[in-house]
Amino acid sequence: DRNLQLAFYSMLIYIPWAVIDHPNNPFHGWSSVTVLVAFFGALGGILVALVIKYADGVAKNLATASSIVITTAVSHALFNGPMTSSILIGSLVVVISGFNYQNVA
């Protein structure tokens, strides 16, 4: 609820600002990639809010750890980021924990 309120009040500031700067095209200078990134950022914020509202503490921690593992894997695949044995072992622990939690819950 609080995030929705903050987002609403920020829209009251930024939408008129965009329209005043470029009345014919408020999204002037935005590429399709920029729109996609903004959309996914907003979607991620909504998903985080839903997890915080409806999940228990263990699920929240597991979701956070899983997102770190996914981010690390994507970073390695796209940007040739580091992939050490400790990262692999930690990722394996997170995956096994997820399966164990799924069987318990």
PDB file of N, CA and C in Angstrom:
ATOM      1  N   ASP A   1       0.809  -1.198   0.000  1.00  0.00           N
ATOM      2  CA  ASP A   1       0.000   0.000   0.000  1.00  0.00           C
ATOM      3  C   ASP A   1       0.854   1.265   0.000  1.00  0.00           C
ATOM      4  N   ARG A   2       1.907   1.232   0.806  1.00  0.00           N
ATOM      5  CA  ARG A   2       2.776   2.404   0.906  1.00  0.00           C
ATOM      6  C   ARG A   2       3.508   2.654  -0.420  1.00  0.00           C
ATOM      7  N   ASN A   3       3.961   1.583  -1.078  1.00  0.00           N
ATOM      8  CA  ASN A   3       4.657   1.741  -2.363  1.00  0.00           C
ATOM      9  C   ASN A   3       3.733   2.342  -3.414  1.00  0.00           C
ATOM     10  N   LEU A   4       2.478   1.929  -3.412  1.00  0.00           N
ATOM     11  CA  LEU A   4       1.516   2.465  -4.366  1.00  0.00           C
ATOM     12  C   LEU A   4       1.287   3.952  -4.119  1.00  0.00           C
ATOM     13  N   GLN A   5       1.214   4.333  -2.859  1.00  0.00           N
ATOM     14  CA  GLN A   5       1.046   5.749  -2.532  1.00  0.00           C
ATOM     15  C   GLN A   5       2.252   6.570  -2.998  1.00  0.00           C
ATOM     16  N   LEU A   6       3.445   6.064  -2.746  1.00  0.00           N
ATOM     17  CA  LEU A   6       4.653   6.783  -3.165  1.00  0.00           C
ATOM     18  C   LEU A   6       4.728   6.880  -4.685  1.00  0.00           C
ATOM     19  N   ALA A   7       4.373   5.816  -5.380  1.00  0.00           N
ATOM     20  CA  ALA A   7       4.400   5.835  -6.839  1.00  0.00           C
ATOM     21  C   ALA A   7       3.387   6.833  -7.387  1.00  0.00           C
ATOM     22  N   PHE A   8       2.215   6.895  -6.773  1.00  0.00           N
ATOM     23  CA  PHE A   8       1.187   7.833  -7.232  1.00  0.00           C
ATOM     24  C   PHE A   8       1.668   9.278  -7.099  1.00  0.00           C
ATOM     25  N   TYR A   9       2.223   9.617  -5.956  1.00  0.00           N
ATOM     26  CA  TYR A   9       2.683  10.992  -5.752  1.00  0.00           C
ATOM     27  C   TYR A   9       3.875  11.337  -6.645  1.00  0.00           C
ATOM     28  N   SER A  10       4.731  10.367  -6.951  1.00  0.00           N
ATOM     29  CA  SER A  10       5.835  10.657  -7.858  1.00  0.00           C
ATOM     30  C   SER A  10       5.327  10.856  -9.283  1.00  0.00           C
ATOM     31  N   MET A  11       4.246  10.157  -9.664  1.00  0.00           N
ATOM     32  CA  MET A  11       3.668  10.366 -10.994  1.00  0.00           C
ATOM     33  C   MET A  11       3.076  11.768 -11.116  1.00  0.00           C
ATOM     34  N   LEU A  12       2.535  12.295 -10.011  1.00  0.00           N
ATOM     35  CA  LEU A  12       2.001  13.656 -10.039  1.00  0.00           C
ATOM     36  C   LEU A  12       3.088  14.684 -10.355  1.00  0.00           C
ATOM     37  N   ILE A  13       4.318  14.358 -10.034  1.00  0.00           N
ATOM     38  CA  ILE A  13       5.432  15.264 -10.313  1.00  0.00           C
ATOM     39  C   ILE A  13       6.003  15.024 -11.706  1.00  0.00           C
ATOM     40  N   TYR A  14       6.275  13.755 -12.058  1.00  0.00           N
ATOM     41  CA  TYR A  14       7.043  13.466 -13.261  1.00  0.00           C
ATOM     42  C   TYR A  14       6.229  13.477 -14.551  1.00  0.00           C
ATOM     43  N   ILE A  15       4.954  13.144 -14.513  1.00  0.00           N
ATOM     44  CA  ILE A  15       4.163  13.178 -15.753  1.00  0.00           C
ATOM     45  C   ILE A  15       3.996  14.614 -16.257  1.00  0.00           C
ATOM     46  N   PRO A  16       3.594  15.557 -15.411  1.00  0.00           N
ATOM     47  CA  PRO A  16       3.531  16.937 -15.930  1.00  0.00           C
ATOM     48  C   PRO A  16       4.889  17.466 -16.391  1.00  0.00           C
ATOM     49  N   TRP A  17       5.942  17.068 -15.716  1.00  0.00           N
ATOM     50  CA  TRP A  17       7.283  17.499 -16.103  1.00  0.00           C
ATOM     51  C   TRP A  17       7.613  17.012 -17.506  1.00  0.00           C
ATOM     52  N   ALA A  18       7.306  15.752 -17.797  1.00  0.00           N
ATOM     53  CA  ALA A  18       7.569  15.194 -19.133  1.00  0.00           C
ATOM     54  C   ALA A  18       6.723  15.883 -20.198  1.00  0.00           C
ATOM     55  N   VAL A  19       5.483  16.202 -19.869  1.00  0.00           N
ATOM     56  CA  VAL A  19       4.597  16.853 -20.839  1.00  0.00           C
ATOM     57  C   VAL A  19       5.037  18.294 -21.079  1.00  0.00           C
ATOM     58  N   ILE A  20       5.485  18.985 -20.062  1.00  0.00           N
ATOM     59  CA  ILE A  20       5.943  20.367 -20.224  1.00  0.00           C
ATOM     60  C   ILE A  20       7.215  20.415 -21.067  1.00  0.00           C
ATOM     61  N   ASP A  21       8.151  19.478 -20.833  1.00  0.00           N
ATOM     62  CA  ASP A  21       9.399  19.472 -21.596  1.00  0.00           C
ATOM     63  C   ASP A  21       9.169  19.182 -23.076  1.00  0.00           C
ATOM     64  N   HIS A  22       8.300  18.220 -23.395  1.00  0.00           N
ATOM     65  CA  HIS A  22       8.027  17.830 -24.781  1.00  0.00           C
ATOM     66  C   HIS A  22       6.526  17.588 -24.938  1.00  0.00           C
ATOM     67  N   PRO A  23       5.758  18.648 -25.197  1.00  0.00           N
ATOM     68  CA  PRO A  23       4.296  18.506 -25.224  1.00  0.00           C
ATOM     69  C   PRO A  23       3.785  17.525 -26.291  1.00  0.00           C
ATOM     70  N   ASN A  24       4.459  17.436 -27.423  1.00  0.00           N
ATOM     71  CA  ASN A  24       3.983  16.540 -28.486  1.00  0.00           C
ATOM     72  C   ASN A  24       4.409  15.098 -28.274  1.00  0.00           C
ATOM     73  N   ASN A  25       5.505  14.892 -27.551  1.00  0.00           N
ATOM     74  CA  ASN A  25       6.028  13.536 -27.347  1.00  0.00           C
ATOM     75  C   ASN A  25       6.680  13.452 -25.969  1.00  0.00           C
ATOM     76  N   PRO A  26       5.899  13.099 -24.929  1.00  0.00           N
ATOM     77  CA  PRO A  26       6.472  13.048 -23.574  1.00  0.00           C
ATOM     78  C   PRO A  26       7.593  12.015 -23.430  1.00  0.00           C
ATOM     79  N   PHE A  27       7.635  11.015 -24.301  1.00  0.00           N
ATOM     80  CA  PHE A  27       8.677   9.995 -24.231  1.00  0.00           C
ATOM     81  C   PHE A  27       9.804  10.286 -25.221  1.00  0.00           C
ATOM     82  N   HIS A  28      10.054  11.543 -25.490  1.00  0.00           N
ATOM     83  CA  HIS A  28      11.114  11.961 -26.398  1.00  0.00           C
ATOM     84  C   HIS A  28      12.463  11.425 -25.917  1.00  0.00           C
ATOM     85  N   GLY A  29      13.190  10.768 -26.797  1.00  0.00           N
ATOM     86  CA  GLY A  29      14.501  10.244 -26.461  1.00  0.00           C
ATOM     87  C   GLY A  29      14.474   8.829 -25.916  1.00  0.00           C
ATOM     88  N   TRP A  30      13.290   8.241 -25.739  1.00  0.00           N
ATOM     89  CA  TRP A  30      13.181   6.877 -25.233  1.00  0.00           C
ATOM     90  C   TRP A  30      13.243   5.913 -26.409  1.00  0.00           C
ATOM     91  N   SER A  31      14.106   4.929 -26.315  1.00  0.00           N
ATOM     92  CA  SER A  31      14.132   3.870 -27.325  1.00  0.00           C
ATOM     93  C   SER A  31      13.239   2.725 -26.858  1.00  0.00           C
ATOM     94  N   SER A  32      13.050   1.744 -27.704  1.00  0.00           N
ATOM     95  CA  SER A  32      12.238   0.590 -27.302  1.00  0.00           C
ATOM     96  C   SER A  32      12.907  -0.178 -26.164  1.00  0.00           C
ATOM     97  N   VAL A  33      14.226  -0.188 -26.151  1.00  0.00           N
ATOM     98  CA  VAL A  33      14.948  -0.855 -25.062  1.00  0.00           C
ATOM     99  C   VAL A  33      14.710  -0.115 -23.742  1.00  0.00           C
ATOM    100  N   THR A  34      14.696   1.198 -23.790  1.00  0.00           N
ATOM    101  CA  THR A  34      14.452   1.989 -22.586  1.00  0.00           C
ATOM    102  C   THR A  34      13.057   1.725 -22.031  1.00  0.00           C
ATOM    103  N   VAL A  35      12.077   1.650 -22.914  1.00  0.00           N
ATOM    104  CA  VAL A  35      10.707   1.360 -22.484  1.00  0.00           C
ATOM    105  C   VAL A  35      10.635  -0.035 -21.868  1.00  0.00           C
ATOM    106  N   LEU A  36      11.317  -0.997 -22.493  1.00  0.00           N
ATOM    107  CA  LEU A  36      11.320  -2.362 -21.985  1.00  0.00           C
ATOM    108  C   LEU A  36      11.969  -2.444 -20.600  1.00  0.00           C
ATOM    109  N   VAL A  37      13.084  -1.757 -20.413  1.00  0.00           N
ATOM    110  CA  VAL A  37      13.764  -1.755 -19.117  1.00  0.00           C
ATOM    111  C   VAL A  37      12.885  -1.093 -18.050  1.00  0.00           C
ATOM    112  N   ALA A  38      12.232   0.008 -18.399  1.00  0.00           N
ATOM    113  CA  ALA A  38      11.340   0.670 -17.446  1.00  0.00           C
ATOM    114  C   ALA A  38      10.164  -0.233 -17.080  1.00  0.00           C
ATOM    115  N   PHE A  39       9.624  -0.941 -18.077  1.00  0.00           N
ATOM    116  CA  PHE A  39       8.519  -1.858 -17.828  1.00  0.00           C
ATOM    117  C   PHE A  39       8.938  -2.984 -16.890  1.00  0.00           C
ATOM    118  N   PHE A  40      10.095  -3.592 -17.170  1.00  0.00           N
ATOM    119  CA  PHE A  40      10.558  -4.686 -16.317  1.00  0.00           C
ATOM    120  C   PHE A  40      10.912  -4.204 -14.913  1.00  0.00           C
ATOM    121  N   GLY A  41      11.417  -2.981 -14.802  1.00  0.00           N
ATOM    122  CA  GLY A  41      11.684  -2.422 -13.487  1.00  0.00           C
ATOM    123  C   GLY A  41      10.400  -2.237 -12.687  1.00  0.00           C
ATOM    124  N   ALA A  42       9.364  -1.742 -13.344  1.00  0.00           N
ATOM    125  CA  ALA A  42       8.074  -1.578 -12.676  1.00  0.00           C
ATOM    126  C   ALA A  42       7.476  -2.928 -12.310  1.00  0.00           C
ATOM    127  N   LEU A  43       7.577  -3.885 -13.213  1.00  0.00           N
ATOM    128  CA  LEU A  43       7.060  -5.227 -12.940  1.00  0.00           C
ATOM    129  C   LEU A  43       7.808  -5.870 -11.778  1.00  0.00           C
ATOM    130  N   GLY A  44       9.118  -5.688 -11.743  1.00  0.00           N
ATOM    131  CA  GLY A  44       9.908  -6.213 -10.630  1.00  0.00           C
ATOM    132  C   GLY A  44       9.497  -5.587  -9.310  1.00  0.00           C
ATOM    133  N   GLY A  45       9.217  -4.291  -9.308  1.00  0.00           N
ATOM    134  CA  GLY A  45       8.762  -3.628  -8.090  1.00  0.00           C
ATOM    135  C   GLY A  45       7.427  -4.163  -7.602  1.00  0.00           C
ATOM    136  N   ILE A  46       6.523  -4.424  -8.542  1.00  0.00           N
ATOM    137  CA  ILE A  46       5.221  -4.991  -8.170  1.00  0.00           C
ATOM    138  C   ILE A  46       5.393  -6.393  -7.610  1.00  0.00           C
ATOM    139  N   LEU A  47       6.254  -7.196  -8.239  1.00  0.00           N
ATOM    140  CA  LEU A  47       6.485  -8.555  -7.747  1.00  0.00           C
ATOM    141  C   LEU A  47       7.110  -8.548  -6.352  1.00  0.00           C
ATOM    142  N   VAL A  48       8.042  -7.643  -6.120  1.00  0.00           N
ATOM    143  CA  VAL A  48       8.649  -7.530  -4.787  1.00  0.00           C
ATOM    144  C   VAL A  48       7.595  -7.147  -3.756  1.00  0.00           C
ATOM    145  N   ALA A  49       6.730  -6.218  -4.108  1.00  0.00           N
ATOM    146  CA  ALA A  49       5.669  -5.821  -3.180  1.00  0.00           C
ATOM    147  C   ALA A  49       4.739  -6.988  -2.865  1.00  0.00           C
ATOM    148  N   LEU A  50       4.411  -7.798  -3.884  1.00  0.00           N
ATOM    149  CA  LEU A  50       3.546  -8.957  -3.651  1.00  0.00           C
ATOM    150  C   LEU A  50       4.226  -9.994  -2.767  1.00  0.00           C
ATOM    151  N   VAL A  51       5.506 -10.218  -2.985  1.00  0.00           N
ATOM    152  CA  VAL A  51       6.232 -11.180  -2.154  1.00  0.00           C
ATOM    153  C   VAL A  51       6.285 -10.701  -0.711  1.00  0.00           C
ATOM    154  N   ILE A  52       6.566  -9.433  -0.523  1.00  0.00           N
ATOM    155  CA  ILE A  52       6.641  -8.890   0.831  1.00  0.00           C
ATOM    156  C   ILE A  52       5.285  -8.992   1.531  1.00  0.00           C
ATOM    157  N   LYS A  53       4.210  -8.794   0.778  1.00  0.00           N
ATOM    158  CA  LYS A  53       2.883  -8.797   1.385  1.00  0.00           C
ATOM    159  C   LYS A  53       2.387 -10.204   1.709  1.00  0.00           C
ATOM    160  N   TYR A  54       2.645 -11.176   0.822  1.00  0.00           N
ATOM    161  CA  TYR A  54       2.000 -12.473   0.962  1.00  0.00           C
ATOM    162  C   TYR A  54       2.907 -13.631   1.396  1.00  0.00           C
ATOM    163  N   ALA A  55       4.188 -13.496   1.300  1.00  0.00           N
ATOM    164  CA  ALA A  55       5.073 -14.625   1.612  1.00  0.00           C
ATOM    165  C   ALA A  55       5.544 -14.570   3.060  1.00  0.00           C
ATOM    166  N   ASP A  56       5.956 -15.733   3.564  1.00  0.00           N
ATOM    167  CA  ASP A  56       6.517 -15.765   4.912  1.00  0.00           C
ATOM    168  C   ASP A  56       8.010 -15.459   4.856  1.00  0.00           C
ATOM    169  N   GLY A  57       8.639 -15.407   6.015  1.00  0.00           N
ATOM    170  CA  GLY A  57      10.044 -15.000   6.094  1.00  0.00           C
ATOM    171  C   GLY A  57      10.994 -15.907   5.344  1.00  0.00           C
ATOM    172  N   VAL A  58      10.789 -17.221   5.429  1.00  0.00           N
ATOM    173  CA  VAL A  58      11.686 -18.156   4.746  1.00  0.00           C
ATOM    174  C   VAL A  58      11.566 -17.988   3.234  1.00  0.00           C
ATOM    175  N   ALA A  59      10.343 -17.846   2.745  1.00  0.00           N
ATOM    176  CA  ALA A  59      10.140 -17.681   1.309  1.00  0.00           C
ATOM    177  C   ALA A  59      10.768 -16.378   0.806  1.00  0.00           C
ATOM    178  N   LYS A  60      10.695 -15.329   1.608  1.00  0.00           N
ATOM    179  CA  LYS A  60      11.313 -14.056   1.218  1.00  0.00           C
ATOM    180  C   LYS A  60      12.826 -14.207   1.093  1.00  0.00           C
ATOM    181  N   ASN A  61      13.441 -14.859   2.068  1.00  0.00           N
ATOM    182  CA  ASN A  61      14.891 -15.057   2.009  1.00  0.00           C
ATOM    183  C   ASN A  61      15.279 -15.959   0.849  1.00  0.00           C
ATOM    184  N   LEU A  62      14.485 -16.989   0.595  1.00  0.00           N
ATOM    185  CA  LEU A  62      14.761 -17.880  -0.526  1.00  0.00           C
ATOM    186  C   LEU A  62      14.609 -17.143  -1.857  1.00  0.00           C
ATOM    187  N   ALA A  63      13.613 -16.284  -1.955  1.00  0.00           N
ATOM    188  CA  ALA A  63      13.433 -15.502  -3.179  1.00  0.00           C
ATOM    189  C   ALA A  63      14.603 -14.553  -3.404  1.00  0.00           C
ATOM    190  N   THR A  64      15.083 -13.940  -2.338  1.00  0.00           N
ATOM    191  CA  THR A  64      16.232 -13.041  -2.451  1.00  0.00           C
ATOM    192  C   THR A  64      17.481 -13.806  -2.888  1.00  0.00           C
ATOM    193  N   ALA A  65      17.731 -14.947  -2.266  1.00  0.00           N
ATOM    194  CA  ALA A  65      18.900 -15.748  -2.627  1.00  0.00           C
ATOM    195  C   ALA A  65      18.791 -16.255  -4.065  1.00  0.00           C
ATOM    196  N   SER A  66      17.585 -16.660  -4.468  1.00  0.00           N
ATOM    197  CA  SER A  66      17.395 -17.140  -5.840  1.00  0.00           C
ATOM    198  C   SER A  66      17.631 -16.032  -6.854  1.00  0.00           C
ATOM    199  N   SER A  67      17.188 -14.832  -6.536  1.00  0.00           N
ATOM    200  CA  SER A  67      17.416 -13.729  -7.467  1.00  0.00           C
ATOM    201  C   SER A  67      18.901 -13.404  -7.590  1.00  0.00           C
ATOM    202  N   ILE A  68      19.646 -13.555  -6.506  1.00  0.00           N
ATOM    203  CA  ILE A  68      21.098 -13.340  -6.572  1.00  0.00           C
ATOM    204  C   ILE A  68      21.745 -14.402  -7.451  1.00  0.00           C
ATOM    205  N   VAL A  69      21.310 -15.654  -7.314  1.00  0.00           N
ATOM    206  CA  VAL A  69      21.861 -16.734  -8.147  1.00  0.00           C
ATOM    207  C   VAL A  69      21.558 -16.488  -9.619  1.00  0.00           C
ATOM    208  N   ILE A  70      20.321 -16.118  -9.931  1.00  0.00           N
ATOM    209  CA  ILE A  70      19.940 -15.870 -11.325  1.00  0.00           C
ATOM    210  C   ILE A  70      20.717 -14.679 -11.886  1.00  0.00           C
ATOM    211  N   THR A  71      20.839 -13.620 -11.097  1.00  0.00           N
ATOM    212  CA  THR A  71      21.588 -12.447 -11.548  1.00  0.00           C
ATOM    213  C   THR A  71      23.052 -12.791 -11.805  1.00  0.00           C
ATOM    214  N   THR A  72      23.639 -13.606 -10.939  1.00  0.00           N
ATOM    215  CA  THR A  72      25.028 -14.014 -11.124  1.00  0.00           C
ATOM    216  C   THR A  72      25.189 -14.861 -12.379  1.00  0.00           C
ATOM    217  N   ALA A  73      24.261 -15.791 -12.622  1.00  0.00           N
ATOM    218  CA  ALA A  73      24.337 -16.635 -13.817  1.00  0.00           C
ATOM    219  C   ALA A  73      24.181 -15.810 -15.091  1.00  0.00           C
ATOM    220  N   VAL A  74      23.249 -14.872 -15.095  1.00  0.00           N
ATOM    221  CA  VAL A  74      23.053 -14.021 -16.272  1.00  0.00           C
ATOM    222  C   VAL A  74      24.262 -13.121 -16.475  1.00  0.00           C
ATOM    223  N   SER A  75      24.830 -12.610 -15.388  1.00  0.00           N
ATOM    224  CA  SER A  75      26.026 -11.784 -15.486  1.00  0.00           C
ATOM    225  C   SER A  75      27.189 -12.564 -16.086  1.00  0.00           C
ATOM    226  N   HIS A  76      27.309 -13.819 -15.682  1.00  0.00           N
ATOM    227  CA  HIS A  76      28.377 -14.650 -16.239  1.00  0.00           C
ATOM    228  C   HIS A  76      28.142 -14.926 -17.726  1.00  0.00           C
ATOM    229  N   ALA A  77      26.896 -15.221 -18.085  1.00  0.00           N
ATOM    230  CA  ALA A  77      26.585 -15.555 -19.476  1.00  0.00           C
ATOM    231  C   ALA A  77      26.704 -14.345 -20.406  1.00  0.00           C
ATOM    232  N   LEU A  78      26.232 -13.194 -19.965  1.00  0.00           N
ATOM    233  CA  LEU A  78      26.205 -12.025 -20.846  1.00  0.00           C
ATOM    234  C   LEU A  78      27.482 -11.184 -20.789  1.00  0.00           C
ATOM    235  N   PHE A  79      28.052 -11.059 -19.607  1.00  0.00           N
ATOM    236  CA  PHE A  79      29.168 -10.130 -19.439  1.00  0.00           C
ATOM    237  C   PHE A  79      30.468 -10.811 -19.027  1.00  0.00           C
ATOM    238  N   ASN A  80      30.491 -12.151 -19.079  1.00  0.00           N
ATOM    239  CA  ASN A  80      31.668 -12.917 -18.730  1.00  0.00           C
ATOM    240  C   ASN A  80      32.115 -12.608 -17.284  1.00  0.00           C
ATOM    241  N   GLY A  81      31.129 -12.524 -16.386  1.00  0.00           N
ATOM    242  CA  GLY A  81      31.409 -12.258 -14.976  1.00  0.00           C
ATOM    243  C   GLY A  81      32.072 -13.453 -14.317  1.00  0.00           C
ATOM    244  N   PRO A  82      32.539 -13.289 -13.093  1.00  0.00           N
ATOM    245  CA  PRO A  82      33.255 -14.376 -12.420  1.00  0.00           C
ATOM    246  C   PRO A  82      32.318 -15.540 -12.073  1.00  0.00           C
ATOM    247  N   MET A  83      32.841 -16.748 -12.167  1.00  0.00           N
ATOM    248  CA  MET A  83      32.103 -17.947 -11.769  1.00  0.00           C
ATOM    249  C   MET A  83      33.091 -18.862 -11.060  1.00  0.00           C
ATOM    250  N   THR A  84      33.265 -18.631  -9.778  1.00  0.00           N
ATOM    251  CA  THR A  84      34.233 -19.386  -8.992  1.00  0.00           C
ATOM    252  C   THR A  84      33.554 -20.601  -8.368  1.00  0.00           C
ATOM    253  N   SER A  85      34.349 -21.449  -7.751  1.00  0.00           N
ATOM    254  CA  SER A  85      33.792 -22.635  -7.112  1.00  0.00           C
ATOM    255  C   SER A  85      32.891 -22.260  -5.936  1.00  0.00           C
ATOM    256  N   SER A  86      33.225 -21.208  -5.216  1.00  0.00           N
ATOM    257  CA  SER A  86      32.369 -20.797  -4.091  1.00  0.00           C
ATOM    258  C   SER A  86      31.015 -20.291  -4.585  1.00  0.00           C
ATOM    259  N   ILE A  87      30.986 -19.618  -5.730  1.00  0.00           N
ATOM    260  CA  ILE A  87      29.711 -19.174  -6.301  1.00  0.00           C
ATOM    261  C   ILE A  87      28.886 -20.381  -6.724  1.00  0.00           C
ATOM    262  N   LEU A  88      29.528 -21.362  -7.342  1.00  0.00           N
ATOM    263  CA  LEU A  88      28.805 -22.567  -7.763  1.00  0.00           C
ATOM    264  C   LEU A  88      28.263 -23.352  -6.569  1.00  0.00           C
ATOM    265  N   ILE A  89      29.049 -23.490  -5.520  1.00  0.00           N
ATOM    266  CA  ILE A  89      28.596 -24.212  -4.324  1.00  0.00           C
ATOM    267  C   ILE A  89      27.440 -23.450  -3.658  1.00  0.00           C
ATOM    268  N   GLY A  90      27.569 -22.149  -3.543  1.00  0.00           N
ATOM    269  CA  GLY A  90      26.486 -21.346  -2.968  1.00  0.00           C
ATOM    270  C   GLY A  90      25.208 -21.434  -3.785  1.00  0.00           C
ATOM    271  N   SER A  91      25.339 -21.426  -5.111  1.00  0.00           N
ATOM    272  CA  SER A  91      24.170 -21.566  -5.980  1.00  0.00           C
ATOM    273  C   SER A  91      23.517 -22.925  -5.804  1.00  0.00           C
ATOM    274  N   LEU A  92      24.330 -23.951  -5.691  1.00  0.00           N
ATOM    275  CA  LEU A  92      23.807 -25.295  -5.479  1.00  0.00           C
ATOM    276  C   LEU A  92      23.052 -25.388  -4.148  1.00  0.00           C
ATOM    277  N   VAL A  93      23.587 -24.765  -3.115  1.00  0.00           N
ATOM    278  CA  VAL A  93      22.919 -24.754  -1.813  1.00  0.00           C
ATOM    279  C   VAL A  93      21.554 -24.058  -1.916  1.00  0.00           C
ATOM    280  N   VAL A  94      21.496 -22.952  -2.647  1.00  0.00           N
ATOM    281  CA  VAL A  94      20.225 -22.231  -2.808  1.00  0.00           C
ATOM    282  C   VAL A  94      19.208 -23.080  -3.557  1.00  0.00           C
ATOM    283  N   VAL A  95      19.638 -23.745  -4.632  1.00  0.00           N
ATOM    284  CA  VAL A  95      18.727 -24.579  -5.409  1.00  0.00           C
ATOM    285  C   VAL A  95      18.216 -25.747  -4.577  1.00  0.00           C
ATOM    286  N   ILE A  96      19.107 -26.424  -3.858  1.00  0.00           N
ATOM    287  CA  ILE A  96      18.692 -27.542  -3.004  1.00  0.00           C
ATOM    288  C   ILE A  96      17.749 -27.055  -1.903  1.00  0.00           C
ATOM    289  N   SER A  97      18.036 -25.901  -1.318  1.00  0.00           N
ATOM    290  CA  SER A  97      17.156 -25.342  -0.294  1.00  0.00           C
ATOM    291  C   SER A  97      15.771 -25.056  -0.851  1.00  0.00           C
ATOM    292  N   GLY A  98      15.727 -24.560  -2.075  1.00  0.00           N
ATOM    293  CA  GLY A  98      14.437 -24.292  -2.710  1.00  0.00           C
ATOM    294  C   GLY A  98      13.616 -25.553  -2.891  1.00  0.00           C
ATOM    295  N   PHE A  99      14.248 -26.626  -3.344  1.00  0.00           N
ATOM    296  CA  PHE A  99      13.535 -27.889  -3.500  1.00  0.00           C
ATOM    297  C   PHE A  99      13.106 -28.451  -2.152  1.00  0.00           C
ATOM    298  N   ASN A 100      13.956 -28.351  -1.158  1.00  0.00           N
ATOM    299  CA  ASN A 100      13.589 -28.833   0.180  1.00  0.00           C
ATOM    300  C   ASN A 100      12.430 -28.041   0.763  1.00  0.00           C
ATOM    301  N   TYR A 101      12.446 -26.727   0.604  1.00  0.00           N
ATOM    302  CA  TYR A 101      11.371 -25.896   1.120  1.00  0.00           C
ATOM    303  C   TYR A 101      10.063 -26.192   0.386  1.00  0.00           C
ATOM    304  N   GLN A 102      10.158 -26.436  -0.910  1.00  0.00           N
ATOM    305  CA  GLN A 102       8.965 -26.728  -1.707  1.00  0.00           C
ATOM    306  C   GLN A 102       8.307 -28.025  -1.222  1.00  0.00           C
ATOM    307  N   ASN A 103       9.105 -29.018  -0.853  1.00  0.00           N
ATOM    308  CA  ASN A 103       8.555 -30.295  -0.384  1.00  0.00           C
ATOM    309  C   ASN A 103       7.953 -30.177   1.013  1.00  0.00           C
ATOM    310  N   VAL A 104       8.438 -29.239   1.821  1.00  0.00           N
ATOM    311  CA  VAL A 104       7.927 -29.080   3.178  1.00  0.00           C
ATOM    312  C   VAL A 104       6.639 -28.272   3.179  1.00  0.00           C
ATOM    313  N   ALA A 105       6.621 -27.200   2.402  1.00  0.00           N
ATOM    314  CA  ALA A 105       5.475 -26.271   2.428  1.00  0.00           C
ATOM    315  C   ALA A 105       4.259 -26.799   1.719  1.00  0.00           C
TER     316      ALA A 105
END
